[in-house]
Amino acid sequence: MARHWGDRRDGTLLRNIDSMHTIMPLMYPNRCDNEAFIYERIDLTNVAKYLEQKNAGAPEYKYNLFQVMVTALLKVITLRPKMNRFIANKNMYQRNEVSAAFTVKKIFSDEGGEALSFIHSKPTDTIDTVHSEIFRQVSLCRSEKKDPSTASMDIIQKLPRPILKLVGVIARSLDRHGHMPKGIVATDPYYSSCVLTNLGSIKLHSGYHHLTNWGTNSVFCAIGERKKRPFWDEEGNMTMRDSVDLGLIIDERIADGYYYSKTVRLLRKLLDQPELLDRPLNEEVDY
């Protein structure tokens, strides 16, 4: 795609959007002031059966709920392109790729370090290719090798404090105009379409997690602890089912409530029929 004046390296300037979405970034310039929080409880009965089937052949790296969530969100954002917009320097852009990012804990201890993982998806990806890429990146993150963004931060951290603060001022300006060096933000999660945090892996409930004014990320997903919870049918009968709570935090300026409602409906459909994740990300779904 040809790059025109006003476009960024990571996004295309949206020139023909409606007046409200043109004006909103001018009136409300900070992403953190425009967060919408959506809470969803997901019945995992079908996901559990699906994972059992995927793991029936005893793969070296088992399929798990987190991989399902990453793939489902990548598919949602692929099929719902307004969710892949971002606002920077008071302008709205369409991101050039669909991506997901998360932090990997090297060792589960108070002193254990963290590494950054970044998934660059393709329209033809399926849960199998996403599973393989997550396995590759988690293996890399838990090795001694550092991801590019962490390596860059380690170098900058060694600068004298006054110079460090000046670097921060310059970095914020570069970030605002889309000129941050690629190597520095290569694995920065806040430059992805969606950031995920797997709170369930550390036995925490789902909930609200703020967006940031740094970077371009407009969607954050907090995944809570997987456990049995009560569900009621239309007659008021209760059953205990395997479930997970999700906290979705969205920049409300990129679309409207109706668009978000349909987006959540699609996410629920994918988690109710996870076999759809065996199909390419760009394959349409009837929901």
C-alpha atoms as a PDB file:
ATOM      1  CA  MET A   1       0.000   0.000   0.000  1.00  0.00           C
ATOM      2  CA  ALA A   2       1.357   3.415  -0.978  1.00  0.00           C
ATOM      3  CA  ARG A   3       2.207   5.701   1.916  1.00  0.00           C
ATOM      4  CA  HIS A   4       0.793   9.231   1.728  1.00  0.00           C
ATOM      5  CA  TRP A   5       1.496  12.474   3.558  1.00  0.00           C
ATOM      6  CA  GLY A   6       0.189  12.178   7.125  1.00  0.00           C
ATOM      7  CA  ASP A   7       0.487   8.382   7.278  1.00  0.00           C
ATOM      8  CA  ARG A   8       2.699   6.722   9.875  1.00  0.00           C
ATOM      9  CA  ARG A   9       4.992   3.754   9.531  1.00  0.00           C
ATOM     10  CA  ASP A  10       2.522   1.662  11.551  1.00  0.00           C
ATOM     11  CA  GLY A  11      -0.771   3.152  10.420  1.00  0.00           C
ATOM     12  CA  THR A  12      -2.734   4.936   7.696  1.00  0.00           C
ATOM     13  CA  LEU A  13      -4.326   8.290   8.503  1.00  0.00           C
ATOM     14  CA  LEU A  14      -8.129   8.061   8.305  1.00  0.00           C
ATOM     15  CA  ARG A  15      -9.178  11.013   6.167  1.00  0.00           C
ATOM     16  CA  ASN A  16     -12.860  10.275   5.507  1.00  0.00           C
ATOM     17  CA  ILE A  17     -14.331   9.439   8.918  1.00  0.00           C
ATOM     18  CA  ASP A  18     -17.464  11.093  10.330  1.00  0.00           C
ATOM     19  CA  SER A  19     -17.235  14.472  12.036  1.00  0.00           C
ATOM     20  CA  MET A  20     -17.718  13.134  15.587  1.00  0.00           C
ATOM     21  CA  HIS A  21     -14.739  10.795  15.327  1.00  0.00           C
ATOM     22  CA  THR A  22     -12.703  13.611  13.778  1.00  0.00           C
ATOM     23  CA  ILE A  23     -13.510  16.035  16.585  1.00  0.00           C
ATOM     24  CA  MET A  24     -13.285  13.653  19.569  1.00  0.00           C
ATOM     25  CA  PRO A  25      -9.458  13.313  19.527  1.00  0.00           C
ATOM     26  CA  LEU A  26      -9.198  17.113  19.476  1.00  0.00           C
ATOM     27  CA  MET A  27     -11.490  17.497  22.490  1.00  0.00           C
ATOM     28  CA  TYR A  28     -10.276  14.387  24.378  1.00  0.00           C
ATOM     29  CA  PRO A  29      -6.622  13.915  23.372  1.00  0.00           C
ATOM     30  CA  ASN A  30      -5.543  11.419  26.061  1.00  0.00           C
ATOM     31  CA  ARG A  31      -6.239   7.707  25.662  1.00  0.00           C
ATOM     32  CA  CYS A  32      -6.392   7.174  29.424  1.00  0.00           C
ATOM     33  CA  ASP A  33      -9.279   9.655  29.679  1.00  0.00           C
ATOM     34  CA  ASN A  34     -11.368   7.673  27.188  1.00  0.00           C
ATOM     35  CA  GLU A  35     -11.466   4.122  28.496  1.00  0.00           C
ATOM     36  CA  ALA A  36     -14.551   1.938  28.242  1.00  0.00           C
ATOM     37  CA  PHE A  37     -14.594  -1.165  30.466  1.00  0.00           C
ATOM     38  CA  ILE A  38     -16.533  -4.259  29.388  1.00  0.00           C
ATOM     39  CA  TYR A  39     -16.873  -7.279  31.685  1.00  0.00           C
ATOM     40  CA  GLU A  40     -17.764 -10.704  30.292  1.00  0.00           C
ATOM     41  CA  ARG A  41     -18.132 -14.128  31.939  1.00  0.00           C
ATOM     42  CA  ILE A  42     -17.461 -16.938  29.460  1.00  0.00           C
ATOM     43  CA  ASP A  43     -18.766 -20.512  29.721  1.00  0.00           C
ATOM     44  CA  LEU A  44     -15.746 -22.693  28.832  1.00  0.00           C
ATOM     45  CA  THR A  45     -17.616 -26.002  28.453  1.00  0.00           C
ATOM     46  CA  ASN A  46     -17.029 -26.141  24.688  1.00  0.00           C
ATOM     47  CA  VAL A  47     -13.504 -24.714  24.927  1.00  0.00           C
ATOM     48  CA  ALA A  48     -12.562 -27.497  27.367  1.00  0.00           C
ATOM     49  CA  LYS A  49     -13.835 -30.168  24.945  1.00  0.00           C
ATOM     50  CA  TYR A  50     -12.024 -28.465  22.066  1.00  0.00           C
ATOM     51  CA  LEU A  51      -8.707 -28.347  23.944  1.00  0.00           C
ATOM     52  CA  GLU A  52      -9.077 -32.010  24.872  1.00  0.00           C
ATOM     53  CA  GLN A  53      -9.410 -32.848  21.165  1.00  0.00           C
ATOM     54  CA  LYS A  54      -6.460 -30.634  20.173  1.00  0.00           C
ATOM     55  CA  ASN A  55      -4.265 -32.291  22.811  1.00  0.00           C
ATOM     56  CA  ALA A  56      -5.399 -35.846  22.052  1.00  0.00           C
ATOM     57  CA  GLY A  57      -2.234 -36.452  20.037  1.00  0.00           C
ATOM     58  CA  ALA A  58      -0.041 -35.417  23.007  1.00  0.00           C
ATOM     59  CA  PRO A  59       1.746 -32.477  21.284  1.00  0.00           C
ATOM     60  CA  GLU A  60       5.076 -31.340  22.737  1.00  0.00           C
ATOM     61  CA  TYR A  61       3.527 -27.983  23.646  1.00  0.00           C
ATOM     62  CA  LYS A  62      -0.081 -28.400  24.743  1.00  0.00           C
ATOM     63  CA  TYR A  63      -2.887 -26.190  23.482  1.00  0.00           C
ATOM     64  CA  ASN A  64      -4.338 -24.097  26.302  1.00  0.00           C
ATOM     65  CA  LEU A  65      -6.923 -21.444  27.111  1.00  0.00           C
ATOM     66  CA  PHE A  66      -4.486 -18.555  26.650  1.00  0.00           C
ATOM     67  CA  GLN A  67      -3.718 -19.619  23.065  1.00  0.00           C
ATOM     68  CA  VAL A  68      -7.458 -19.827  22.393  1.00  0.00           C
ATOM     69  CA  MET A  69      -7.908 -16.303  23.753  1.00  0.00           C
ATOM     70  CA  VAL A  70      -5.024 -14.869  21.714  1.00  0.00           C
ATOM     71  CA  THR A  71      -6.321 -16.472  18.510  1.00  0.00           C
ATOM     72  CA  ALA A  72      -9.922 -15.445  19.193  1.00  0.00           C
ATOM     73  CA  LEU A  73      -8.941 -11.815  19.750  1.00  0.00           C
ATOM     74  CA  LEU A  74      -6.749 -11.764  16.649  1.00  0.00           C
ATOM     75  CA  LYS A  75      -9.694 -13.105  14.627  1.00  0.00           C
ATOM     76  CA  VAL A  76     -12.106 -10.609  16.188  1.00  0.00           C
ATOM     77  CA  ILE A  77      -9.844  -7.667  15.363  1.00  0.00           C
ATOM     78  CA  THR A  78      -9.231  -8.999  11.842  1.00  0.00           C
ATOM     79  CA  LEU A  79     -12.973  -9.220  11.170  1.00  0.00           C
ATOM     80  CA  ARG A  80     -13.841  -6.022  13.055  1.00  0.00           C
ATOM     81  CA  PRO A  81     -11.263  -3.565  11.641  1.00  0.00           C
ATOM     82  CA  LYS A  82     -12.388  -0.519  13.624  1.00  0.00           C
ATOM     83  CA  MET A  83     -11.012  -2.317  16.682  1.00  0.00           C
ATOM     84  CA  ASN A  84      -7.610  -1.979  15.024  1.00  0.00           C
ATOM     85  CA  ARG A  85      -7.673   1.812  14.967  1.00  0.00           C
ATOM     86  CA  PHE A  86      -5.605   4.050  17.201  1.00  0.00           C
ATOM     87  CA  ILE A  87      -5.333   7.741  17.972  1.00  0.00           C
ATOM     88  CA  ALA A  88      -1.970   9.510  18.102  1.00  0.00           C
ATOM     89  CA  ASN A  89      -1.183  13.235  18.068  1.00  0.00           C
ATOM     90  CA  LYS A  90      -4.978  13.887  17.898  1.00  0.00           C
ATOM     91  CA  ASN A  91      -5.332  11.969  14.611  1.00  0.00           C
ATOM     92  CA  MET A  92      -7.037   8.617  13.997  1.00  0.00           C
ATOM     93  CA  TYR A  93      -5.185   5.865  12.137  1.00  0.00           C
ATOM     94  CA  GLN A  94      -5.930   2.384  10.813  1.00  0.00           C
ATOM     95  CA  ARG A  95      -3.166   0.037  11.976  1.00  0.00           C
ATOM     96  CA  ASN A  96      -1.290  -1.710   9.171  1.00  0.00           C
ATOM     97  CA  GLU A  97      -1.315  -5.156  10.823  1.00  0.00           C
ATOM     98  CA  VAL A  98      -3.211  -7.137  13.445  1.00  0.00           C
ATOM     99  CA  SER A  99      -1.004  -7.996  16.420  1.00  0.00           C
ATOM    100  CA  ALA A 100      -1.160  -9.183  20.015  1.00  0.00           C
ATOM    101  CA  ALA A 101       1.323  -8.804  22.855  1.00  0.00           C
ATOM    102  CA  PHE A 102       1.811 -10.127  26.351  1.00  0.00           C
ATOM    103  CA  THR A 103       4.400 -10.403  29.098  1.00  0.00           C
ATOM    104  CA  VAL A 104       6.089 -13.717  29.900  1.00  0.00           C
ATOM    105  CA  LYS A 105       7.289 -14.405  33.437  1.00  0.00           C
ATOM    106  CA  LYS A 106      10.652 -16.171  33.160  1.00  0.00           C
ATOM    107  CA  ILE A 107      10.345 -17.824  36.593  1.00  0.00           C
ATOM    108  CA  PHE A 108       7.303 -17.764  38.901  1.00  0.00           C
ATOM    109  CA  SER A 109       9.000 -16.095  41.865  1.00  0.00           C
ATOM    110  CA  ASP A 110       9.163 -12.615  43.390  1.00  0.00           C
ATOM    111  CA  GLU A 111      12.585 -12.112  41.829  1.00  0.00           C
ATOM    112  CA  GLY A 112      11.738 -13.706  38.461  1.00  0.00           C
ATOM    113  CA  GLY A 113      12.297 -11.413  35.480  1.00  0.00           C
ATOM    114  CA  GLU A 114       9.860 -10.673  32.689  1.00  0.00           C
ATOM    115  CA  ALA A 115      10.164 -10.611  28.905  1.00  0.00           C
ATOM    116  CA  LEU A 116       7.948  -9.131  26.216  1.00  0.00           C
ATOM    117  CA  SER A 117       6.295 -11.253  23.525  1.00  0.00           C
ATOM    118  CA  PHE A 118       4.746  -9.851  20.342  1.00  0.00           C
ATOM    119  CA  ILE A 119       2.620 -11.779  17.808  1.00  0.00           C
ATOM    120  CA  HIS A 120       2.453 -10.393  14.244  1.00  0.00           C
ATOM    121  CA  SER A 121      -0.502 -12.187  12.676  1.00  0.00           C
ATOM    122  CA  LYS A 122      -1.302 -12.869   9.036  1.00  0.00           C
ATOM    123  CA  PRO A 123      -4.859 -13.123   7.621  1.00  0.00           C
ATOM    124  CA  THR A 124      -4.257 -16.821   6.869  1.00  0.00           C
ATOM    125  CA  ASP A 125      -3.199 -17.711  10.417  1.00  0.00           C
ATOM    126  CA  THR A 126      -5.154 -20.286  12.435  1.00  0.00           C
ATOM    127  CA  ILE A 127      -4.887 -21.424  16.030  1.00  0.00           C
ATOM    128  CA  ASP A 128      -2.235 -23.927  14.909  1.00  0.00           C
ATOM    129  CA  THR A 129       0.121 -21.261  13.541  1.00  0.00           C
ATOM    130  CA  VAL A 130      -0.560 -18.977  16.531  1.00  0.00           C
ATOM    131  CA  HIS A 131       0.120 -21.925  18.887  1.00  0.00           C
ATOM    132  CA  SER A 132       3.476 -22.554  17.174  1.00  0.00           C
ATOM    133  CA  GLU A 133       4.468 -18.884  17.305  1.00  0.00           C
ATOM    134  CA  ILE A 134       3.554 -18.570  20.995  1.00  0.00           C
ATOM    135  CA  PHE A 135       5.613 -21.694  21.723  1.00  0.00           C
ATOM    136  CA  ARG A 136       8.586 -20.200  19.863  1.00  0.00           C
ATOM    137  CA  GLN A 137       8.326 -16.867  21.639  1.00  0.00           C
ATOM    138  CA  VAL A 138       7.723 -18.272  25.126  1.00  0.00           C
ATOM    139  CA  SER A 139      10.752 -20.535  24.666  1.00  0.00           C
ATOM    140  CA  LEU A 140      12.813 -17.530  23.578  1.00  0.00           C
ATOM    141  CA  CYS A 141      11.527 -15.352  26.430  1.00  0.00           C
ATOM    142  CA  ARG A 142      12.453 -17.972  29.027  1.00  0.00           C
ATOM    143  CA  SER A 143      15.961 -18.306  27.638  1.00  0.00           C
ATOM    144  CA  GLU A 144      18.795 -15.960  28.565  1.00  0.00           C
ATOM    145  CA  LYS A 145      18.322 -13.933  25.372  1.00  0.00           C
ATOM    146  CA  LYS A 146      16.540 -10.582  25.835  1.00  0.00           C
ATOM    147  CA  ASP A 147      13.803  -9.232  23.592  1.00  0.00           C
ATOM    148  CA  PRO A 148      14.705  -6.024  21.645  1.00  0.00           C
ATOM    149  CA  SER A 149      12.625  -3.621  23.747  1.00  0.00           C
ATOM    150  CA  THR A 150      14.007  -4.937  27.058  1.00  0.00           C
ATOM    151  CA  ALA A 151      17.570  -4.804  25.707  1.00  0.00           C
ATOM    152  CA  SER A 152      17.040  -1.170  24.661  1.00  0.00           C
ATOM    153  CA  MET A 153      15.613  -0.259  28.090  1.00  0.00           C
ATOM    154  CA  ASP A 154      18.601  -1.878  29.811  1.00  0.00           C
ATOM    155  CA  ILE A 155      20.971   0.374  27.834  1.00  0.00           C
ATOM    156  CA  ILE A 156      18.964   3.552  28.463  1.00  0.00           C
ATOM    157  CA  GLN A 157      18.670   2.759  32.186  1.00  0.00           C
ATOM    158  CA  LYS A 158      22.451   3.156  32.592  1.00  0.00           C
ATOM    159  CA  LEU A 159      22.405   6.841  31.560  1.00  0.00           C
ATOM    160  CA  PRO A 160      22.811   9.553  34.229  1.00  0.00           C
ATOM    161  CA  ARG A 161      19.475  10.650  35.694  1.00  0.00           C
ATOM    162  CA  PRO A 162      19.310  14.144  34.084  1.00  0.00           C
ATOM    163  CA  ILE A 163      20.083  12.677  30.647  1.00  0.00           C
ATOM    164  CA  LEU A 164      17.604   9.871  31.279  1.00  0.00           C
ATOM    165  CA  LYS A 165      14.827  12.424  31.876  1.00  0.00           C
ATOM    166  CA  LEU A 166      15.785  14.253  28.671  1.00  0.00           C
ATOM    167  CA  VAL A 167      15.625  10.964  26.783  1.00  0.00           C
ATOM    168  CA  GLY A 168      12.122  10.512  28.184  1.00  0.00           C
ATOM    169  CA  VAL A 169      11.010  13.907  26.841  1.00  0.00           C
ATOM    170  CA  ILE A 170      12.444  13.149  23.403  1.00  0.00           C
ATOM    171  CA  ALA A 171      10.938   9.649  23.385  1.00  0.00           C
ATOM    172  CA  ARG A 172       7.443  10.978  24.149  1.00  0.00           C
ATOM    173  CA  SER A 173       7.717  13.403  21.245  1.00  0.00           C
ATOM    174  CA  LEU A 174       8.919  10.675  18.886  1.00  0.00           C
ATOM    175  CA  ASP A 175       6.122   8.409  20.099  1.00  0.00           C
ATOM    176  CA  ARG A 176       3.463  11.058  19.526  1.00  0.00           C
ATOM    177  CA  HIS A 177       4.556  11.565  15.901  1.00  0.00           C
ATOM    178  CA  GLY A 178       5.217   7.895  15.119  1.00  0.00           C
ATOM    179  CA  HIS A 179       8.987   8.202  14.846  1.00  0.00           C
ATOM    180  CA  MET A 180      10.176   5.893  17.618  1.00  0.00           C
ATOM    181  CA  PRO A 181      13.009   3.668  16.269  1.00  0.00           C
ATOM    182  CA  LYS A 182      11.699   0.248  15.255  1.00  0.00           C
ATOM    183  CA  GLY A 183      14.256  -1.633  17.315  1.00  0.00           C
ATOM    184  CA  ILE A 184      13.273   0.085  20.552  1.00  0.00           C
ATOM    185  CA  VAL A 185       9.534  -0.625  20.275  1.00  0.00           C
ATOM    186  CA  ALA A 186       9.786  -3.946  18.395  1.00  0.00           C
ATOM    187  CA  THR A 187       8.321  -5.871  21.322  1.00  0.00           C
ATOM    188  CA  ASP A 188       6.673  -2.992  23.184  1.00  0.00           C
ATOM    189  CA  PRO A 189       3.161  -4.354  23.963  1.00  0.00           C
ATOM    190  CA  TYR A 190       1.660  -0.870  23.839  1.00  0.00           C
ATOM    191  CA  TYR A 191       2.340  -0.757  20.105  1.00  0.00           C
ATOM    192  CA  SER A 192       0.112  -3.791  19.445  1.00  0.00           C
ATOM    193  CA  SER A 193      -3.535  -4.144  18.410  1.00  0.00           C
ATOM    194  CA  CYS A 194      -4.344  -5.942  21.661  1.00  0.00           C
ATOM    195  CA  VAL A 195      -2.459  -6.463  24.920  1.00  0.00           C
ATOM    196  CA  LEU A 196      -3.372  -9.532  26.965  1.00  0.00           C
ATOM    197  CA  THR A 197      -2.582 -10.269  30.573  1.00  0.00           C
ATOM    198  CA  ASN A 198      -3.188 -13.786  31.874  1.00  0.00           C
ATOM    199  CA  LEU A 199      -4.041 -13.015  35.493  1.00  0.00           C
ATOM    200  CA  GLY A 200      -5.450 -16.506  35.950  1.00  0.00           C
ATOM    201  CA  SER A 201      -1.942 -17.939  35.666  1.00  0.00           C
ATOM    202  CA  ILE A 202      -1.065 -16.160  38.919  1.00  0.00           C
ATOM    203  CA  LYS A 203      -4.427 -16.937  40.602  1.00  0.00           C
ATOM    204  CA  LEU A 204      -5.935 -13.468  40.271  1.00  0.00           C
ATOM    205  CA  HIS A 205      -9.437 -12.414  39.269  1.00  0.00           C
ATOM    206  CA  SER A 206     -10.061 -10.509  36.059  1.00  0.00           C
ATOM    207  CA  GLY A 207     -10.753  -6.787  36.244  1.00  0.00           C
ATOM    208  CA  TYR A 208      -9.937  -3.349  34.948  1.00  0.00           C
ATOM    209  CA  HIS A 209      -6.470  -2.561  33.581  1.00  0.00           C
ATOM    210  CA  HIS A 210      -5.772   0.928  32.289  1.00  0.00           C
ATOM    211  CA  LEU A 211      -4.683   1.802  28.768  1.00  0.00           C
ATOM    212  CA  THR A 212      -1.664   4.106  28.346  1.00  0.00           C
ATOM    213  CA  ASN A 213      -1.037   7.402  26.594  1.00  0.00           C
ATOM    214  CA  TRP A 214       2.230   5.897  25.392  1.00  0.00           C
ATOM    215  CA  GLY A 215       2.160   3.846  22.211  1.00  0.00           C
ATOM    216  CA  THR A 216      -0.861   3.045  20.042  1.00  0.00           C
ATOM    217  CA  ASN A 217      -2.709   0.250  21.844  1.00  0.00           C
ATOM    218  CA  SER A 218      -6.510   0.657  21.936  1.00  0.00           C
ATOM    219  CA  VAL A 219      -7.611  -2.742  23.312  1.00  0.00           C
ATOM    220  CA  PHE A 220      -6.538  -4.491  26.524  1.00  0.00           C
ATOM    221  CA  CYS A 221      -7.821  -7.890  27.693  1.00  0.00           C
ATOM    222  CA  ALA A 222      -7.412  -9.137  31.264  1.00  0.00           C
ATOM    223  CA  ILE A 223      -8.040 -12.895  31.572  1.00  0.00           C
ATOM    224  CA  GLY A 224      -9.041 -14.058  35.039  1.00  0.00           C
ATOM    225  CA  GLU A 225      -8.755 -17.354  36.873  1.00  0.00           C
ATOM    226  CA  ARG A 226     -10.422 -20.375  35.293  1.00  0.00           C
ATOM    227  CA  LYS A 227     -12.835 -22.015  37.738  1.00  0.00           C
ATOM    228  CA  LYS A 228     -16.324 -23.459  38.260  1.00  0.00           C
ATOM    229  CA  ARG A 229     -19.039 -20.796  38.550  1.00  0.00           C
ATOM    230  CA  PRO A 230     -22.866 -20.817  38.639  1.00  0.00           C
ATOM    231  CA  PHE A 231     -24.874 -20.332  35.427  1.00  0.00           C
ATOM    232  CA  TRP A 232     -28.684 -20.007  35.242  1.00  0.00           C
ATOM    233  CA  ASP A 233     -30.948 -20.990  32.368  1.00  0.00           C
ATOM    234  CA  GLU A 234     -34.192 -19.209  31.381  1.00  0.00           C
ATOM    235  CA  GLU A 235     -36.197 -21.310  33.872  1.00  0.00           C
ATOM    236  CA  GLY A 236     -33.926 -20.299  36.743  1.00  0.00           C
ATOM    237  CA  ASN A 237     -32.128 -23.644  37.024  1.00  0.00           C
ATOM    238  CA  MET A 238     -28.519 -23.368  38.129  1.00  0.00           C
ATOM    239  CA  THR A 239     -25.550 -25.458  36.987  1.00  0.00           C
ATOM    240  CA  MET A 240     -21.869 -25.115  37.841  1.00  0.00           C
ATOM    241  CA  ARG A 241     -19.721 -24.738  34.731  1.00  0.00           C
ATOM    242  CA  ASP A 242     -16.078 -24.252  33.857  1.00  0.00           C
ATOM    243  CA  SER A 243     -15.701 -20.517  33.183  1.00  0.00           C
ATOM    244  CA  VAL A 244     -13.421 -17.517  32.937  1.00  0.00           C
ATOM    245  CA  ASP A 245     -14.010 -13.794  33.488  1.00  0.00           C
ATOM    246  CA  LEU A 246     -12.683 -11.293  30.954  1.00  0.00           C
ATOM    247  CA  GLY A 247     -12.059  -7.588  31.422  1.00  0.00           C
ATOM    248  CA  LEU A 248     -11.938  -5.694  28.116  1.00  0.00           C
ATOM    249  CA  ILE A 249     -10.664  -2.107  28.177  1.00  0.00           C
ATOM    250  CA  ILE A 250     -11.187  -0.160  24.959  1.00  0.00           C
ATOM    251  CA  ASP A 251     -10.442   3.361  23.741  1.00  0.00           C
ATOM    252  CA  GLU A 252     -14.043   4.541  23.267  1.00  0.00           C
ATOM    253  CA  ARG A 253     -13.020   7.086  20.608  1.00  0.00           C
ATOM    254  CA  ILE A 254     -12.229   4.513  17.899  1.00  0.00           C
ATOM    255  CA  ALA A 255     -15.827   3.310  17.331  1.00  0.00           C
ATOM    256  CA  ASP A 256     -19.292   3.431  18.921  1.00  0.00           C
ATOM    257  CA  GLY A 257     -21.203   1.312  21.433  1.00  0.00           C
ATOM    258  CA  TYR A 258     -23.096  -0.645  18.770  1.00  0.00           C
ATOM    259  CA  TYR A 259     -19.827  -1.626  17.098  1.00  0.00           C
ATOM    260  CA  TYR A 260     -18.404  -2.741  20.461  1.00  0.00           C
ATOM    261  CA  SER A 261     -21.550  -4.752  21.213  1.00  0.00           C
ATOM    262  CA  LYS A 262     -21.266  -6.707  17.945  1.00  0.00           C
ATOM    263  CA  THR A 263     -17.553  -7.179  18.553  1.00  0.00           C
ATOM    264  CA  VAL A 264     -18.201  -8.790  21.948  1.00  0.00           C
ATOM    265  CA  ARG A 265     -20.939 -10.914  20.350  1.00  0.00           C
ATOM    266  CA  LEU A 266     -18.387 -12.222  17.840  1.00  0.00           C
ATOM    267  CA  LEU A 267     -15.891 -12.969  20.622  1.00  0.00           C
ATOM    268  CA  ARG A 268     -18.523 -14.954  22.521  1.00  0.00           C
ATOM    269  CA  LYS A 269     -19.417 -16.865  19.342  1.00  0.00           C
ATOM    270  CA  LEU A 270     -15.780 -17.872  18.802  1.00  0.00           C
ATOM    271  CA  LEU A 271     -15.435 -19.070  22.390  1.00  0.00           C
ATOM    272  CA  ASP A 272     -18.725 -20.952  22.177  1.00  0.00           C
ATOM    273  CA  GLN A 273     -17.647 -22.602  18.907  1.00  0.00           C
ATOM    274  CA  PRO A 274     -13.831 -22.692  19.199  1.00  0.00           C
ATOM    275  CA  GLU A 275     -13.508 -24.982  16.177  1.00  0.00           C
ATOM    276  CA  LEU A 276     -13.939 -21.763  14.151  1.00  0.00           C
ATOM    277  CA  LEU A 277     -10.387 -20.928  15.246  1.00  0.00           C
ATOM    278  CA  ASP A 278      -9.149 -23.776  13.043  1.00  0.00           C
ATOM    279  CA  ARG A 279     -10.136 -21.600  10.091  1.00  0.00           C
ATOM    280  CA  PRO A 280      -8.089 -18.600   8.794  1.00  0.00           C
ATOM    281  CA  LEU A 281      -8.376 -15.381  10.771  1.00  0.00           C
ATOM    282  CA  ASN A 282      -9.904 -13.564   7.815  1.00  0.00           C
ATOM    283  CA  GLU A 283     -12.630 -16.155   7.174  1.00  0.00           C
ATOM    284  CA  GLU A 284     -16.001 -14.548   7.927  1.00  0.00           C
ATOM    285  CA  VAL A 285     -18.197 -15.867  10.752  1.00  0.00           C
ATOM    286  CA  ASP A 286     -21.988 -15.737  10.936  1.00  0.00           C
ATOM    287  CA  TYR A 287     -22.832 -14.264  14.332  1.00  0.00           C
END
